[in-house]
């Protein structure tokens, strides 16, 4: 099964826009999962902050970045949440994915099509017919 990193803008100038970004990221991760892939959704990281606050623990932004990047580095693809274009974090994630030759997609349809073609090519190359 393919592991898909969901990348997009998280933070914003106000809490309403930040919550909207989180909602968009979670929705896309849901769609990726529904399509039969395994998404890593950094938009769910706020759960760690909620629990850590109860224990008087604080994670740094750098810890979250390192944690997310470690998942990106073992992903089979990256999918972008609409509105990512001005996100410094997403730009860094795209750069890292490109360095590792991990494909980056702007739509779910493009990603699904890519893996369907890849699957067919792999079957043909292995001599296995369907």
Protein backbone atom coordinates (compact mmCIF):
# COMPACT_ATOMS: atom_id res chain seq x y z
CA UNK A 1 0.00 0.00 0.00
CA UNK A 2 1.21 3.48 -0.82
CA UNK A 3 2.04 5.98 1.94
CA UNK A 4 0.98 9.50 1.03
CA UNK A 5 2.19 12.64 2.78
CA UNK A 6 -0.48 15.38 2.87
CA UNK A 7 1.20 18.80 2.62
CA UNK A 8 -0.30 22.25 2.81
CA UNK A 9 -0.55 25.51 4.67
CA UNK A 10 -1.18 25.00 8.37
CA UNK A 11 -0.60 28.27 10.16
CA UNK A 12 -2.32 31.55 9.29
CA UNK A 13 -2.63 35.14 10.45
CA UNK A 14 -5.68 34.28 12.56
CA UNK A 15 -7.17 31.26 14.28
CA UNK A 16 -10.17 31.01 11.92
CA UNK A 17 -7.93 30.66 8.87
CA UNK A 18 -5.63 28.23 10.72
CA UNK A 19 -8.64 26.06 11.61
CA UNK A 20 -9.82 26.25 7.99
CA UNK A 21 -6.37 25.07 6.83
CA UNK A 22 -6.49 22.19 9.30
CA UNK A 23 -9.96 21.23 8.05
CA UNK A 24 -8.83 21.26 4.42
CA UNK A 25 -5.83 19.07 5.25
CA UNK A 26 -7.86 16.55 7.21
CA UNK A 27 -10.50 16.42 4.46
CA UNK A 28 -7.87 15.69 1.79
CA UNK A 29 -6.26 13.02 4.01
CA UNK A 30 -9.71 11.44 4.38
CA UNK A 31 -10.16 11.45 0.59
CA UNK A 32 -6.71 9.87 0.15
CA UNK A 33 -7.58 7.15 2.67
CA UNK A 34 -10.98 6.59 1.05
CA UNK A 35 -9.21 6.13 -2.30
CA UNK A 36 -7.24 3.22 -0.81
CA UNK A 37 -3.97 4.88 0.20
CA UNK A 38 -2.39 5.45 3.63
CA UNK A 39 -2.11 9.16 4.35
CA UNK A 40 0.17 10.81 6.86
CA UNK A 41 -1.77 13.87 7.99
CA UNK A 42 0.31 16.50 9.85
CA UNK A 43 -2.91 18.48 10.21
CA UNK A 44 -3.75 16.16 13.10
CA UNK A 45 -0.62 17.21 15.02
CA UNK A 46 -2.64 19.64 17.10
CA UNK A 47 -3.84 16.62 19.08
CA UNK A 48 -0.33 16.21 20.47
CA UNK A 49 -0.33 19.84 21.57
CA UNK A 50 -3.68 19.40 23.34
CA UNK A 51 -2.45 16.37 25.28
CA UNK A 52 1.00 17.85 25.96
CA UNK A 53 -0.65 20.93 27.44
CA UNK A 54 -2.42 18.73 29.99
CA UNK A 55 0.97 17.38 31.05
CA UNK A 56 2.69 20.77 31.01
CA UNK A 57 4.87 19.69 28.06
CA UNK A 58 5.68 21.92 25.09
CA UNK A 59 6.85 20.65 21.74
CA UNK A 60 8.75 23.12 19.61
CA UNK A 61 7.87 24.01 16.05
CA UNK A 62 11.21 22.49 15.02
CA UNK A 63 10.22 19.19 16.65
CA UNK A 64 6.99 19.16 14.66
CA UNK A 65 8.87 19.98 11.44
CA UNK A 66 11.42 17.20 12.06
CA UNK A 67 8.65 14.72 12.94
CA UNK A 68 6.69 15.55 9.79
CA UNK A 69 9.76 15.55 7.55
CA UNK A 70 10.74 12.09 8.80
CA UNK A 71 7.37 10.80 7.56
CA UNK A 72 7.68 12.63 4.25
CA UNK A 73 11.05 10.97 3.66
CA UNK A 74 9.50 7.48 3.76
CA UNK A 75 6.39 8.38 1.78
CA UNK A 76 5.64 7.14 -1.71
CA UNK A 77 4.14 10.48 -2.76
CA UNK A 78 3.17 13.93 -1.56
CA UNK A 79 -0.23 15.44 -2.23
CA UNK A 80 -0.81 19.16 -1.89
CA UNK A 81 -3.78 20.76 -0.17
CA UNK A 82 -5.19 23.63 -2.26
CA UNK A 83 -3.84 26.96 -1.02
CA UNK A 84 -0.32 25.65 -0.31
CA UNK A 85 1.45 28.11 -2.60
CA UNK A 86 2.44 30.67 0.07
CA UNK A 87 3.36 28.15 2.76
CA UNK A 88 7.07 28.16 3.61
CA UNK A 89 6.73 24.75 5.23
CA UNK A 90 5.06 23.24 2.19
CA UNK A 91 7.69 24.73 -0.11
CA UNK A 92 10.38 23.08 2.06
CA UNK A 93 8.48 19.78 1.92
CA UNK A 94 8.23 19.96 -1.87
CA UNK A 95 11.95 20.72 -2.09
CA UNK A 96 12.78 17.71 0.10
CA UNK A 97 10.44 15.45 -1.88
CA UNK A 98 12.11 16.55 -5.11
CA UNK A 99 15.56 15.82 -3.63
CA UNK A 100 14.39 12.29 -2.79
CA UNK A 101 12.59 11.86 -6.13
CA UNK A 102 9.25 11.46 -4.38
CA UNK A 103 6.45 12.50 -6.74
CA UNK A 104 4.36 15.54 -5.74
CA UNK A 105 0.75 15.88 -6.88
CA UNK A 106 -1.67 18.78 -6.79
CA UNK A 107 -4.79 16.63 -7.24
CA UNK A 108 -5.98 13.29 -5.99
CA UNK A 109 -6.97 12.25 -9.51
CA UNK A 110 -3.44 12.86 -10.81
CA UNK A 111 -1.97 10.85 -7.96
CA UNK A 112 -4.35 7.92 -8.44
CA UNK A 113 -3.69 7.92 -12.19
CA UNK A 114 0.07 7.93 -11.57
CA UNK A 115 -0.08 4.90 -9.30
CA UNK A 116 -2.44 3.04 -11.63
CA UNK A 117 -0.02 3.57 -14.53
CA UNK A 118 2.93 2.66 -12.26
CA UNK A 119 1.15 -0.53 -11.21
CA UNK A 120 0.44 -1.53 -14.82
CA UNK A 121 4.04 -0.78 -15.84
CA UNK A 122 5.40 -2.80 -12.94
CA UNK A 123 3.18 -5.75 -13.88
CA UNK A 124 4.30 -5.63 -17.50
CA UNK A 125 7.95 -5.29 -16.49
CA UNK A 126 7.74 -8.29 -14.18
CA UNK A 127 6.12 -10.51 -16.78
CA UNK A 128 2.96 -10.79 -14.69
CA UNK A 129 -0.25 -10.33 -16.61
CA UNK A 130 -3.60 -9.48 -15.14
